[in-house]
Amino acid sequence: MFPANAQPERPALTGIAFIEIQVTDLKKSTGFYTGLLGYQAVTVHTSAAKDQWIYFPVNAAQSIRIKDGLPAGQDERLLSVAFRTTDAESLRRYLQSKSVKVAASVIKEPGGDSWFQVTDPGNHTVKFIQYAADKTTRLQQQGVSTSILHAGITVADTAAINTFRKKIVRTGFCTTV
C-alpha cells in the first residue's frame, strides 16, 4: 500500500490519556477512588444501568474511568488503555503501514478530539487520542497522584506483545506474564 520509500512516520505519543476499568460494584469502587485515593467523580454517563461510567480526573489530560458490570468470575478488569498522540490520523496510517488492523478513519468527537482503537496481540483494546485543545494544564487535584505514568497489562504471549509495543507502537506500557 505504501511504497518502500514513502513509509509514514510515527507521530509522537505524549503519554497516557486514560485507563478504563470494569468493576463489579460501582458504588464501592467510587468510594475507593474518592475516599481512599482522593479523586473526585466528575462525570457520570447513565445511558443504561449496565453502561454507567464514572470519570476520575487525575489531571487535565488524564483520567481513570470505571464502568459497572464486570461478569462474575472474570479477573480481567482492564477494558482499555489510551495514549495521547499529536496526530491521530497520521498514527492510524503509520500503524496500518505496519500491518496493524485499524479502522478506515479516526472518530471525530463533537468537542474536536480525534481517536481510534486497535486490538493488541493479547486481545487488549489500545486507544489513541488526539486532543483538540491543549489539556496539559494541571488541575488542582487532591488525589494521591497528579499523573498516570504507567499502565500494566497481563499477557500470555510476551514475544507477540513486545513486538507490538516496542517495534510497532513504541509505547511504555509494561507486560507481565
N, C-alpha and C. Protein backbone atom coordinates (compact mmCIF):
# COMPACT_ATOMS: atom_id res chain seq x y z
N MET A 1 0.82 -1.19 0.00
CA MET A 1 0.00 0.00 0.00
C MET A 1 0.86 1.26 0.00
N PHE A 2 1.95 1.26 0.77
CA PHE A 2 2.86 2.39 0.82
C PHE A 2 4.15 1.99 0.12
N PRO A 3 4.64 2.80 -0.81
CA PRO A 3 5.94 2.49 -1.40
C PRO A 3 7.01 2.44 -0.32
N ALA A 4 8.04 1.62 -0.51
CA ALA A 4 9.08 1.44 0.50
C ALA A 4 9.71 2.75 0.92
N ASN A 5 9.85 3.68 0.01
CA ASN A 5 10.48 4.96 0.35
C ASN A 5 9.48 5.99 0.89
N ALA A 6 8.21 5.61 1.03
CA ALA A 6 7.18 6.56 1.49
C ALA A 6 6.48 6.07 2.75
N GLN A 7 7.18 5.32 3.59
CA GLN A 7 6.59 4.84 4.84
C GLN A 7 6.23 6.04 5.72
N PRO A 8 5.02 6.07 6.25
CA PRO A 8 4.66 7.18 7.12
C PRO A 8 5.47 7.13 8.42
N GLU A 9 5.78 8.28 8.95
CA GLU A 9 6.48 8.36 10.23
C GLU A 9 5.47 8.29 11.35
N ARG A 10 5.90 7.72 12.48
CA ARG A 10 5.01 7.64 13.64
C ARG A 10 5.02 8.99 14.35
N PRO A 11 3.83 9.60 14.51
CA PRO A 11 3.77 10.84 15.28
C PRO A 11 4.03 10.55 16.76
N ALA A 12 4.33 11.58 17.48
CA ALA A 12 4.67 11.43 18.90
C ALA A 12 3.50 10.90 19.72
N LEU A 13 3.84 10.03 20.66
CA LEU A 13 2.91 9.64 21.73
C LEU A 13 3.37 10.44 22.94
N THR A 14 2.46 11.18 23.55
CA THR A 14 2.85 12.11 24.60
C THR A 14 2.44 11.69 26.00
N GLY A 15 1.95 10.48 26.13
CA GLY A 15 1.61 9.97 27.46
C GLY A 15 0.30 9.20 27.46
N ILE A 16 -0.05 8.74 28.62
CA ILE A 16 -1.31 8.02 28.79
C ILE A 16 -2.43 9.05 28.92
N ALA A 17 -3.51 8.85 28.20
CA ALA A 17 -4.68 9.73 28.28
C ALA A 17 -5.63 9.23 29.38
N PHE A 18 -5.94 7.94 29.34
CA PHE A 18 -6.84 7.38 30.35
C PHE A 18 -6.71 5.86 30.37
N ILE A 19 -7.21 5.30 31.45
CA ILE A 19 -7.39 3.86 31.54
C ILE A 19 -8.86 3.63 31.84
N GLU A 20 -9.41 2.56 31.28
CA GLU A 20 -10.81 2.20 31.50
C GLU A 20 -10.85 0.83 32.17
N ILE A 21 -11.55 0.77 33.28
CA ILE A 21 -11.60 -0.44 34.10
C ILE A 21 -13.06 -0.81 34.34
N GLN A 22 -13.35 -2.09 34.27
CA GLN A 22 -14.69 -2.58 34.59
C GLN A 22 -14.70 -3.12 36.01
N VAL A 23 -15.74 -2.80 36.76
CA VAL A 23 -15.83 -3.17 38.17
C VAL A 23 -17.11 -3.94 38.45
N THR A 24 -17.13 -4.63 39.59
CA THR A 24 -18.32 -5.39 39.97
C THR A 24 -19.31 -4.55 40.77
N ASP A 25 -18.82 -3.55 41.46
CA ASP A 25 -19.68 -2.73 42.32
C ASP A 25 -19.30 -1.27 42.14
N LEU A 26 -20.09 -0.56 41.34
CA LEU A 26 -19.78 0.83 41.00
C LEU A 26 -19.73 1.73 42.24
N LYS A 27 -20.66 1.54 43.14
CA LYS A 27 -20.71 2.38 44.34
C LYS A 27 -19.48 2.15 45.22
N LYS A 28 -19.13 0.90 45.43
CA LYS A 28 -17.96 0.56 46.25
C LYS A 28 -16.67 1.06 45.59
N SER A 29 -16.56 0.89 44.27
CA SER A 29 -15.38 1.33 43.54
C SER A 29 -15.26 2.85 43.57
N THR A 30 -16.38 3.54 43.43
CA THR A 30 -16.37 5.00 43.52
C THR A 30 -15.87 5.43 44.88
N GLY A 31 -16.29 4.73 45.93
CA GLY A 31 -15.82 5.02 47.28
C GLY A 31 -14.31 4.83 47.40
N PHE A 32 -13.77 3.85 46.73
CA PHE A 32 -12.32 3.62 46.74
C PHE A 32 -11.58 4.79 46.09
N TYR A 33 -12.01 5.19 44.88
CA TYR A 33 -11.32 6.26 44.17
C TYR A 33 -11.51 7.63 44.82
N THR A 34 -12.67 7.85 45.43
CA THR A 34 -12.89 9.15 46.08
C THR A 34 -12.40 9.15 47.52
N GLY A 35 -12.73 8.13 48.27
CA GLY A 35 -12.38 8.08 49.68
C GLY A 35 -10.93 7.79 49.95
N LEU A 36 -10.43 6.68 49.43
CA LEU A 36 -9.06 6.28 49.71
C LEU A 36 -8.04 7.04 48.86
N LEU A 37 -8.32 7.16 47.55
CA LEU A 37 -7.36 7.80 46.66
C LEU A 37 -7.54 9.31 46.54
N GLY A 38 -8.70 9.82 46.94
CA GLY A 38 -8.91 11.27 47.00
C GLY A 38 -9.31 11.95 45.70
N TYR A 39 -9.72 11.21 44.68
CA TYR A 39 -10.16 11.83 43.43
C TYR A 39 -11.64 12.20 43.51
N GLN A 40 -12.05 13.12 42.66
CA GLN A 40 -13.45 13.50 42.60
C GLN A 40 -14.07 12.88 41.35
N ALA A 41 -15.26 12.32 41.51
CA ALA A 41 -16.01 11.81 40.37
C ALA A 41 -16.68 13.00 39.72
N VAL A 42 -16.32 13.28 38.46
CA VAL A 42 -16.84 14.49 37.85
C VAL A 42 -17.83 14.25 36.72
N THR A 43 -17.83 13.07 36.13
CA THR A 43 -18.74 12.81 35.01
C THR A 43 -19.33 11.43 35.17
N VAL A 44 -20.64 11.35 35.07
CA VAL A 44 -21.32 10.07 35.14
C VAL A 44 -22.20 9.93 33.90
N HIS A 45 -21.99 8.86 33.15
CA HIS A 45 -22.84 8.57 32.00
C HIS A 45 -23.86 7.53 32.43
N THR A 46 -25.12 7.84 32.26
CA THR A 46 -26.17 6.94 32.73
C THR A 46 -27.13 6.54 31.61
N SER A 47 -26.60 6.22 30.44
CA SER A 47 -27.46 5.85 29.33
C SER A 47 -28.24 4.56 29.62
N ALA A 48 -27.66 3.68 30.40
CA ALA A 48 -28.32 2.43 30.82
C ALA A 48 -27.64 1.98 32.11
N ALA A 49 -28.36 1.25 32.92
CA ALA A 49 -27.82 0.83 34.23
C ALA A 49 -26.50 0.09 34.08
N LYS A 50 -26.36 -0.78 33.08
CA LYS A 50 -25.13 -1.56 32.91
C LYS A 50 -24.08 -0.83 32.08
N ASP A 51 -24.41 0.34 31.58
CA ASP A 51 -23.47 1.10 30.77
C ASP A 51 -23.12 2.43 31.45
N GLN A 52 -22.94 2.37 32.75
CA GLN A 52 -22.66 3.56 33.53
C GLN A 52 -21.15 3.74 33.71
N TRP A 53 -20.65 4.94 33.41
CA TRP A 53 -19.24 5.27 33.52
C TRP A 53 -19.07 6.38 34.54
N ILE A 54 -18.03 6.30 35.32
CA ILE A 54 -17.64 7.39 36.21
C ILE A 54 -16.20 7.73 35.91
N TYR A 55 -15.94 9.03 35.71
CA TYR A 55 -14.60 9.50 35.38
C TYR A 55 -13.99 10.16 36.60
N PHE A 56 -12.71 9.89 36.82
CA PHE A 56 -11.95 10.50 37.90
C PHE A 56 -10.75 11.20 37.27
N PRO A 57 -10.81 12.52 37.09
CA PRO A 57 -9.65 13.21 36.51
C PRO A 57 -8.45 13.11 37.45
N VAL A 58 -7.33 12.76 36.88
CA VAL A 58 -6.07 12.73 37.61
C VAL A 58 -5.37 14.08 37.40
N ASN A 59 -5.50 14.61 36.19
CA ASN A 59 -5.08 15.96 35.85
C ASN A 59 -5.90 16.36 34.62
N ALA A 60 -5.61 17.48 34.01
CA ALA A 60 -6.42 17.97 32.89
C ALA A 60 -6.37 17.06 31.67
N ALA A 61 -5.31 16.26 31.53
CA ALA A 61 -5.14 15.42 30.34
C ALA A 61 -5.29 13.93 30.62
N GLN A 62 -5.48 13.54 31.87
CA GLN A 62 -5.52 12.12 32.21
C GLN A 62 -6.68 11.82 33.16
N SER A 63 -7.24 10.63 32.98
CA SER A 63 -8.32 10.21 33.88
C SER A 63 -8.34 8.70 34.04
N ILE A 64 -9.04 8.30 35.08
CA ILE A 64 -9.35 6.90 35.33
C ILE A 64 -10.85 6.80 35.10
N ARG A 65 -11.28 5.83 34.33
CA ARG A 65 -12.69 5.67 34.00
C ARG A 65 -13.12 4.28 34.44
N ILE A 66 -14.20 4.22 35.19
CA ILE A 66 -14.69 2.91 35.63
C ILE A 66 -16.10 2.70 35.09
N LYS A 67 -16.38 1.44 34.81
CA LYS A 67 -17.67 1.02 34.27
C LYS A 67 -18.17 -0.15 35.09
N ASP A 68 -19.44 -0.15 35.39
CA ASP A 68 -20.07 -1.23 36.13
C ASP A 68 -20.26 -2.45 35.23
N GLY A 69 -20.46 -3.61 35.84
CA GLY A 69 -20.86 -4.78 35.08
C GLY A 69 -19.81 -5.84 34.84
N LEU A 70 -18.75 -5.89 35.65
CA LEU A 70 -17.77 -6.96 35.49
C LEU A 70 -18.45 -8.30 35.75
N PRO A 71 -18.41 -9.22 34.79
CA PRO A 71 -19.05 -10.52 34.98
C PRO A 71 -18.42 -11.31 36.14
N ALA A 72 -19.25 -12.04 36.85
CA ALA A 72 -18.77 -12.88 37.95
C ALA A 72 -17.72 -13.85 37.44
N GLY A 73 -16.63 -13.98 38.17
CA GLY A 73 -15.57 -14.91 37.82
C GLY A 73 -14.57 -14.38 36.80
N GLN A 74 -14.78 -13.18 36.28
CA GLN A 74 -13.82 -12.61 35.33
C GLN A 74 -12.76 -11.83 36.08
N ASP A 75 -11.50 -12.17 35.85
CA ASP A 75 -10.40 -11.49 36.52
C ASP A 75 -9.93 -10.25 35.76
N GLU A 76 -10.01 -10.27 34.44
CA GLU A 76 -9.52 -9.15 33.62
C GLU A 76 -10.45 -7.96 33.78
N ARG A 77 -9.94 -6.91 34.39
CA ARG A 77 -10.74 -5.70 34.64
C ARG A 77 -10.43 -4.58 33.66
N LEU A 78 -9.26 -4.62 33.02
CA LEU A 78 -8.86 -3.56 32.11
C LEU A 78 -9.67 -3.64 30.83
N LEU A 79 -10.40 -2.58 30.53
CA LEU A 79 -11.14 -2.50 29.27
C LEU A 79 -10.28 -1.89 28.17
N SER A 80 -9.52 -0.85 28.53
CA SER A 80 -8.63 -0.25 27.54
C SER A 80 -7.63 0.67 28.23
N VAL A 81 -6.56 0.93 27.51
CA VAL A 81 -5.61 1.97 27.89
C VAL A 81 -5.52 2.88 26.66
N ALA A 82 -5.52 4.19 26.90
CA ALA A 82 -5.47 5.15 25.80
C ALA A 82 -4.22 6.02 25.92
N PHE A 83 -3.58 6.24 24.79
CA PHE A 83 -2.39 7.07 24.74
C PHE A 83 -2.69 8.34 23.96
N ARG A 84 -2.13 9.45 24.41
CA ARG A 84 -2.25 10.72 23.69
C ARG A 84 -1.25 10.72 22.53
N THR A 85 -1.69 11.27 21.41
CA THR A 85 -0.82 11.43 20.25
C THR A 85 -0.96 12.84 19.70
N THR A 86 0.03 13.28 18.98
CA THR A 86 -0.02 14.60 18.37
C THR A 86 -0.79 14.60 17.06
N ASP A 87 -1.03 13.41 16.47
CA ASP A 87 -1.72 13.34 15.19
C ASP A 87 -2.35 11.95 15.03
N ALA A 88 -3.64 11.85 15.37
CA ALA A 88 -4.32 10.56 15.35
C ALA A 88 -4.38 9.96 13.94
N GLU A 89 -4.68 10.76 12.94
CA GLU A 89 -4.79 10.23 11.58
C GLU A 89 -3.44 9.74 11.06
N SER A 90 -2.38 10.48 11.32
CA SER A 90 -1.05 10.02 10.89
C SER A 90 -0.64 8.75 11.62
N LEU A 91 -1.00 8.64 12.89
CA LEU A 91 -0.69 7.43 13.65
C LEU A 91 -1.49 6.25 13.11
N ARG A 92 -2.76 6.48 12.76
CA ARG A 92 -3.58 5.42 12.18
C ARG A 92 -2.95 4.92 10.89
N ARG A 93 -2.50 5.83 10.03
CA ARG A 93 -1.85 5.43 8.77
C ARG A 93 -0.52 4.72 9.03
N TYR A 94 0.24 5.19 10.01
CA TYR A 94 1.51 4.55 10.37
C TYR A 94 1.27 3.10 10.80
N LEU A 95 0.31 2.90 11.71
CA LEU A 95 0.03 1.53 12.19
C LEU A 95 -0.46 0.65 11.05
N GLN A 96 -1.27 1.22 10.16
CA GLN A 96 -1.74 0.47 9.00
C GLN A 96 -0.56 0.03 8.14
N SER A 97 0.45 0.89 7.99
CA SER A 97 1.63 0.54 7.20
C SER A 97 2.44 -0.58 7.85
N LYS A 98 2.24 -0.79 9.15
CA LYS A 98 2.91 -1.86 9.89
C LYS A 98 2.04 -3.10 10.01
N SER A 99 0.98 -3.16 9.19
CA SER A 99 0.06 -4.30 9.13
C SER A 99 -0.78 -4.48 10.39
N VAL A 100 -1.00 -3.39 11.13
CA VAL A 100 -1.91 -3.42 12.27
C VAL A 100 -3.31 -3.12 11.73
N LYS A 101 -4.28 -3.93 12.13
CA LYS A 101 -5.65 -3.72 11.68
C LYS A 101 -6.21 -2.46 12.35
N VAL A 102 -6.57 -1.47 11.53
CA VAL A 102 -7.10 -0.21 12.03
C VAL A 102 -8.40 0.11 11.30
N ALA A 103 -9.17 1.02 11.87
CA ALA A 103 -10.40 1.48 11.23
C ALA A 103 -10.07 2.27 9.97
N ALA A 104 -11.05 2.46 9.12
CA ALA A 104 -10.86 3.21 7.88
C ALA A 104 -10.57 4.68 8.13
N SER A 105 -11.01 5.20 9.28
CA SER A 105 -10.76 6.60 9.61
C SER A 105 -10.83 6.78 11.12
N VAL A 106 -10.35 7.92 11.59
CA VAL A 106 -10.44 8.23 13.01
C VAL A 106 -11.86 8.71 13.33
N ILE A 107 -12.23 8.62 14.59
CA ILE A 107 -13.52 9.13 15.05
C ILE A 107 -13.31 10.55 15.53
N LYS A 108 -14.14 11.46 15.04
CA LYS A 108 -14.07 12.86 15.44
C LYS A 108 -15.21 13.13 16.43
N GLU A 109 -14.84 13.51 17.65
CA GLU A 109 -15.82 13.81 18.68
C GLU A 109 -16.38 15.23 18.49
N PRO A 110 -17.58 15.51 18.98
CA PRO A 110 -18.15 16.86 18.85
C PRO A 110 -17.24 17.96 19.41
N GLY A 111 -16.49 17.68 20.45
CA GLY A 111 -15.59 18.67 21.04
C GLY A 111 -14.29 18.84 20.27
N GLY A 112 -14.08 18.04 19.22
CA GLY A 112 -12.90 18.18 18.39
C GLY A 112 -11.82 17.13 18.59
N ASP A 113 -11.91 16.34 19.66
CA ASP A 113 -10.93 15.28 19.87
C ASP A 113 -11.08 14.23 18.76
N SER A 114 -9.96 13.62 18.36
CA SER A 114 -9.95 12.56 17.35
C SER A 114 -9.31 11.32 17.96
N TRP A 115 -9.87 10.15 17.67
CA TRP A 115 -9.31 8.93 18.24
C TRP A 115 -9.64 7.72 17.38
N PHE A 116 -8.90 6.65 17.64
CA PHE A 116 -9.19 5.35 17.05
C PHE A 116 -8.65 4.30 18.02
N GLN A 117 -9.03 3.07 17.80
CA GLN A 117 -8.55 2.00 18.66
C GLN A 117 -8.09 0.81 17.84
N VAL A 118 -7.22 0.03 18.45
CA VAL A 118 -6.74 -1.21 17.86
C VAL A 118 -6.81 -2.29 18.93
N THR A 119 -6.67 -3.52 18.50
CA THR A 119 -6.59 -4.63 19.43
C THR A 119 -5.17 -5.17 19.36
N ASP A 120 -4.50 -5.25 20.51
CA ASP A 120 -3.12 -5.73 20.51
C ASP A 120 -3.10 -7.26 20.42
N PRO A 121 -1.93 -7.87 20.25
CA PRO A 121 -1.86 -9.33 20.13
C PRO A 121 -2.38 -10.09 21.35
N GLY A 122 -2.48 -9.43 22.49
CA GLY A 122 -3.04 -10.06 23.69
C GLY A 122 -4.53 -9.84 23.84
N ASN A 123 -5.16 -9.30 22.78
CA ASN A 123 -6.59 -9.03 22.74
C ASN A 123 -7.02 -7.89 23.68
N HIS A 124 -6.12 -6.95 23.95
CA HIS A 124 -6.44 -5.76 24.74
C HIS A 124 -6.78 -4.61 23.80
N THR A 125 -7.72 -3.79 24.20
CA THR A 125 -8.06 -2.60 23.43
C THR A 125 -7.08 -1.49 23.78
N VAL A 126 -6.43 -0.95 22.76
CA VAL A 126 -5.50 0.17 22.91
C VAL A 126 -6.05 1.32 22.08
N LYS A 127 -6.29 2.45 22.75
CA LYS A 127 -6.84 3.61 22.06
C LYS A 127 -5.76 4.68 21.92
N PHE A 128 -5.91 5.49 20.89
CA PHE A 128 -5.01 6.61 20.64
C PHE A 128 -5.88 7.84 20.42
N ILE A 129 -5.61 8.89 21.16
CA ILE A 129 -6.44 10.09 21.10
C ILE A 129 -5.59 11.33 20.87
N GLN A 130 -6.10 12.17 20.01
CA GLN A 130 -5.50 13.49 19.77
C GLN A 130 -6.48 14.50 20.32
N TYR A 131 -6.08 15.19 21.37
CA TYR A 131 -6.95 16.21 21.94
C TYR A 131 -7.02 17.41 21.02
N ALA A 132 -8.20 18.01 20.92
CA ALA A 132 -8.40 19.19 20.07
C ALA A 132 -7.71 20.41 20.66
N ALA A 133 -7.63 20.47 21.97
CA ALA A 133 -7.02 21.62 22.64
C ALA A 133 -5.96 21.11 23.60
N ASP A 134 -5.08 21.98 24.01
CA ASP A 134 -4.05 21.62 24.98
C ASP A 134 -4.71 21.29 26.30
N LYS A 135 -4.55 20.06 26.74
CA LYS A 135 -5.15 19.63 28.01
C LYS A 135 -4.05 19.27 29.00
N THR A 136 -2.93 19.94 28.93
CA THR A 136 -1.82 19.61 29.81
C THR A 136 -1.77 20.48 31.06
N THR A 137 -2.63 21.48 31.14
CA THR A 137 -2.66 22.33 32.33
C THR A 137 -3.04 21.49 33.54
N ARG A 138 -2.32 21.65 34.60
CA ARG A 138 -2.59 20.88 35.81
C ARG A 138 -3.84 21.40 36.51
N LEU A 139 -4.69 20.48 36.90
CA LEU A 139 -5.84 20.82 37.73
C LEU A 139 -5.40 20.81 39.19
N GLN A 140 -6.09 21.51 40.02
CA GLN A 140 -5.86 21.42 41.46
C GLN A 140 -6.54 20.15 41.93
N GLN A 141 -5.80 19.07 41.98
CA GLN A 141 -6.35 17.79 42.40
C GLN A 141 -5.87 17.46 43.80
N GLN A 142 -6.71 16.78 44.51
CA GLN A 142 -6.38 16.35 45.86
C GLN A 142 -6.07 14.86 45.91
N GLY A 143 -6.04 14.20 44.77
CA GLY A 143 -5.82 12.76 44.73
C GLY A 143 -4.41 12.37 45.11
N VAL A 144 -4.23 11.08 45.32
CA VAL A 144 -2.96 10.52 45.76
C VAL A 144 -1.84 10.77 44.73
N SER A 145 -2.20 10.95 43.45
CA SER A 145 -1.22 11.21 42.41
C SER A 145 -1.77 12.25 41.46
N THR A 146 -0.88 13.01 40.83
CA THR A 146 -1.31 14.01 39.86
C THR A 146 -0.97 13.61 38.43
N SER A 147 -0.52 12.37 38.22
CA SER A 147 -0.28 11.91 36.86
C SER A 147 -0.29 10.38 36.80
N ILE A 148 -0.62 9.88 35.63
CA ILE A 148 -0.54 8.46 35.35
C ILE A 148 0.70 8.26 34.49
N LEU A 149 1.69 7.59 35.05
CA LEU A 149 2.95 7.39 34.34
C LEU A 149 3.05 6.02 33.69
N HIS A 150 2.34 5.02 34.21
CA HIS A 150 2.47 3.65 33.73
C HIS A 150 1.09 2.99 33.68
N ALA A 151 0.95 2.07 32.77
CA ALA A 151 -0.23 1.21 32.70
C ALA A 151 0.29 -0.20 32.47
N GLY A 152 -0.14 -1.14 33.27
CA GLY A 152 0.31 -2.51 33.13
C GLY A 152 -0.81 -3.40 32.63
N ILE A 153 -0.44 -4.34 31.77
CA ILE A 153 -1.40 -5.33 31.29
C ILE A 153 -0.81 -6.72 31.48
N THR A 154 -1.67 -7.69 31.64
CA THR A 154 -1.23 -9.07 31.76
C THR A 154 -1.39 -9.74 30.40
N VAL A 155 -0.34 -10.44 29.96
CA VAL A 155 -0.39 -11.08 28.65
C VAL A 155 0.10 -12.52 28.75
N ALA A 156 -0.32 -13.32 27.78
CA ALA A 156 0.12 -14.71 27.73
C ALA A 156 1.32 -14.88 26.78
N ASP A 157 1.36 -14.10 25.70
CA ASP A 157 2.42 -14.23 24.70
C ASP A 157 3.29 -12.97 24.74
N THR A 158 4.32 -13.01 25.57
CA THR A 158 5.19 -11.86 25.77
C THR A 158 5.88 -11.43 24.48
N ALA A 159 6.33 -12.38 23.67
CA ALA A 159 7.04 -12.04 22.44
C ALA A 159 6.13 -11.26 21.49
N ALA A 160 4.89 -11.69 21.32
CA ALA A 160 3.97 -11.01 20.40
C ALA A 160 3.64 -9.61 20.89
N ILE A 161 3.36 -9.47 22.17
CA ILE A 161 3.01 -8.15 22.70
C ILE A 161 4.21 -7.22 22.68
N ASN A 162 5.41 -7.75 22.95
CA ASN A 162 6.60 -6.91 22.92
C ASN A 162 6.91 -6.43 21.51
N THR A 163 6.68 -7.26 20.51
CA THR A 163 6.86 -6.82 19.12
C THR A 163 5.89 -5.68 18.83
N PHE A 164 4.66 -5.83 19.25
CA PHE A 164 3.65 -4.79 19.03
C PHE A 164 4.02 -3.50 19.75
N ARG A 165 4.34 -3.60 21.04
CA ARG A 165 4.55 -2.37 21.81
C ARG A 165 5.93 -1.75 21.61
N LYS A 166 6.95 -2.53 21.37
CA LYS A 166 8.31 -1.98 21.24
C LYS A 166 8.66 -1.61 19.80
N LYS A 167 8.29 -2.47 18.85
CA LYS A 167 8.73 -2.23 17.47
C LYS A 167 7.69 -1.48 16.64
N ILE A 168 6.43 -1.63 16.95
CA ILE A 168 5.40 -1.00 16.12
C ILE A 168 4.88 0.28 16.78
N VAL A 169 4.28 0.15 17.95
CA VAL A 169 3.68 1.31 18.61
C VAL A 169 4.73 2.12 19.37
N ARG A 170 5.68 1.44 19.97
CA ARG A 170 6.75 2.07 20.75
C ARG A 170 6.19 2.86 21.92
N THR A 171 5.44 2.17 22.78
CA THR A 171 4.90 2.78 23.98
C THR A 171 5.63 2.25 25.19
N GLY A 172 5.34 2.83 26.33
CA GLY A 172 5.98 2.42 27.57
C GLY A 172 5.12 1.58 28.46
N PHE A 173 4.06 0.92 27.92
CA PHE A 173 3.28 0.11 28.84
C PHE A 173 4.00 -1.19 29.15
N CYS A 174 3.81 -1.67 30.36
CA CYS A 174 4.54 -2.84 30.86
C CYS A 174 3.75 -4.11 30.58
N THR A 175 4.45 -5.24 30.52
CA THR A 175 3.78 -6.51 30.38
C THR A 175 4.23 -7.45 31.49
N THR A 176 3.31 -8.28 31.93
CA THR A 176 3.58 -9.28 32.95
C THR A 176 2.99 -10.59 32.50
N VAL A 177 3.70 -11.66 32.66
CA VAL A 177 3.19 -12.98 32.28
C VAL A 177 2.51 -13.59 33.50
